[in-house]
Amino acid sequence: MTYTYRTKGTCSRQITVDLDENNIIQNVQFLGGCNGNTQGVARLCVGHPAQEVIDLLSGVDCNGRGTSCPDQLSKALREAMAQQEK
C-alpha cells in the first residue's frame, strides 16, 4: 500500500510511504527538506516494521518547532497503518 502524507511544521512538504501487508516499510520518499538527512532517514527505515520506526522517531524535535521530518514520518506511518486496517 502506498500512502501520501502532507507534512506540517517542517521543511519537507510531503512524505510517501509504501507498506506491505505486514506493515513492513518498503519505501519512504520525502519531498523537500534537508536532502541528505531525509534520504538517510528513509534508507534506515526500509525493511523495518512501521511500529518500530514510529516508536523510535515519534517526538523528535527540530530547532524547537515541536516536530521534525522524522516525527512527521512517524505520523505518516500511523495514518498509513490505520488506512491499511480499513
Protein backbone atom coordinates (compact mmCIF):
# COMPACT_ATOMS: atom_id res chain seq x y z
CA MET A 1 0.00 0.00 0.00
CA THR A 2 1.25 3.47 -0.89
CA TYR A 3 0.28 6.35 1.40
CA THR A 4 1.00 10.05 0.89
CA TYR A 5 1.11 12.41 3.87
CA ARG A 6 1.23 16.24 3.79
CA THR A 7 3.67 17.36 6.49
CA LYS A 8 3.05 20.17 8.95
CA GLY A 9 5.68 22.41 10.52
CA THR A 10 8.71 21.09 8.62
CA CYS A 11 10.81 21.99 5.60
CA SER A 12 9.67 18.83 3.85
CA ARG A 13 6.24 19.19 2.28
CA GLN A 14 5.19 15.60 1.74
CA ILE A 15 6.12 12.03 2.65
CA THR A 16 5.19 8.97 0.63
CA VAL A 17 5.49 5.55 2.29
CA ASP A 18 4.97 2.04 0.96
CA LEU A 19 3.95 -0.65 3.46
CA ASP A 20 3.49 -4.34 2.74
CA GLU A 21 0.59 -6.38 4.16
CA ASN A 22 2.56 -6.92 7.40
CA ASN A 23 3.27 -3.18 7.87
CA ILE A 24 6.91 -3.59 6.91
CA ILE A 25 8.26 -0.41 5.30
CA GLN A 26 9.20 -0.98 1.65
CA ASN A 27 9.97 2.59 0.61
CA VAL A 28 9.99 6.14 2.01
CA GLN A 29 10.30 9.34 -0.02
CA PHE A 30 10.38 12.89 1.30
CA LEU A 31 9.50 15.87 -0.89
CA GLY A 32 11.61 18.82 0.26
CA GLY A 33 13.54 19.05 3.48
CA CYS A 34 17.26 18.51 4.03
CA ASN A 35 18.02 16.15 1.18
CA GLY A 36 20.84 14.17 2.76
CA ASN A 37 19.11 13.81 6.11
CA THR A 38 15.76 12.77 4.67
CA GLN A 39 17.44 10.24 2.36
CA GLY A 40 19.32 8.81 5.34
CA VAL A 41 16.20 8.52 7.48
CA ALA A 42 14.32 6.93 4.58
CA ARG A 43 17.02 4.31 3.94
CA LEU A 44 17.28 3.41 7.61
CA CYS A 45 13.53 2.73 7.76
CA VAL A 46 13.23 0.34 4.81
CA GLY A 47 12.76 -3.26 5.91
CA HIS A 48 11.66 -2.39 9.44
CA PRO A 49 8.18 -2.72 10.97
CA ALA A 50 6.28 0.56 10.87
CA GLN A 51 5.51 0.41 14.61
CA GLU A 52 9.21 0.07 15.45
CA VAL A 53 10.01 3.18 13.40
CA ILE A 54 7.10 5.09 14.96
CA ASP A 55 8.41 4.25 18.44
CA LEU A 56 11.92 5.44 17.51
CA LEU A 57 11.04 8.66 15.68
CA SER A 58 7.93 9.98 17.42
CA GLY A 59 8.63 13.21 19.27
CA VAL A 60 11.94 14.10 17.59
CA ASP A 61 12.12 17.91 17.57
CA CYS A 62 13.89 20.18 15.06
CA ASN A 63 15.05 23.52 16.47
CA GLY A 64 12.13 23.97 18.85
CA ARG A 65 9.43 23.52 16.18
CA GLY A 66 7.67 20.81 18.16
CA THR A 67 8.12 18.41 15.26
CA SER A 68 10.66 17.34 12.66
CA CYS A 69 10.85 15.35 9.44
CA PRO A 70 11.38 12.10 11.42
CA ASP A 71 8.45 12.98 13.72
CA GLN A 72 6.28 13.71 10.69
CA LEU A 73 7.29 10.32 9.25
CA SER A 74 6.03 8.67 12.44
CA LYS A 75 2.70 10.45 11.98
CA ALA A 76 2.55 9.39 8.31
CA LEU A 77 3.19 5.77 9.30
CA ARG A 78 0.45 5.87 11.96
CA GLU A 79 -2.04 7.13 9.40
CA ALA A 80 -0.90 4.61 6.78
CA MET A 81 -1.34 1.75 9.23
CA ALA A 82 -4.81 2.99 10.16
CA GLN A 83 -5.75 3.14 6.47
CA GLN A 84 -4.42 -0.37 5.90
CA GLU A 85 -6.63 -1.73 8.70
CA LYS A 86 -9.79 -0.47 7.00
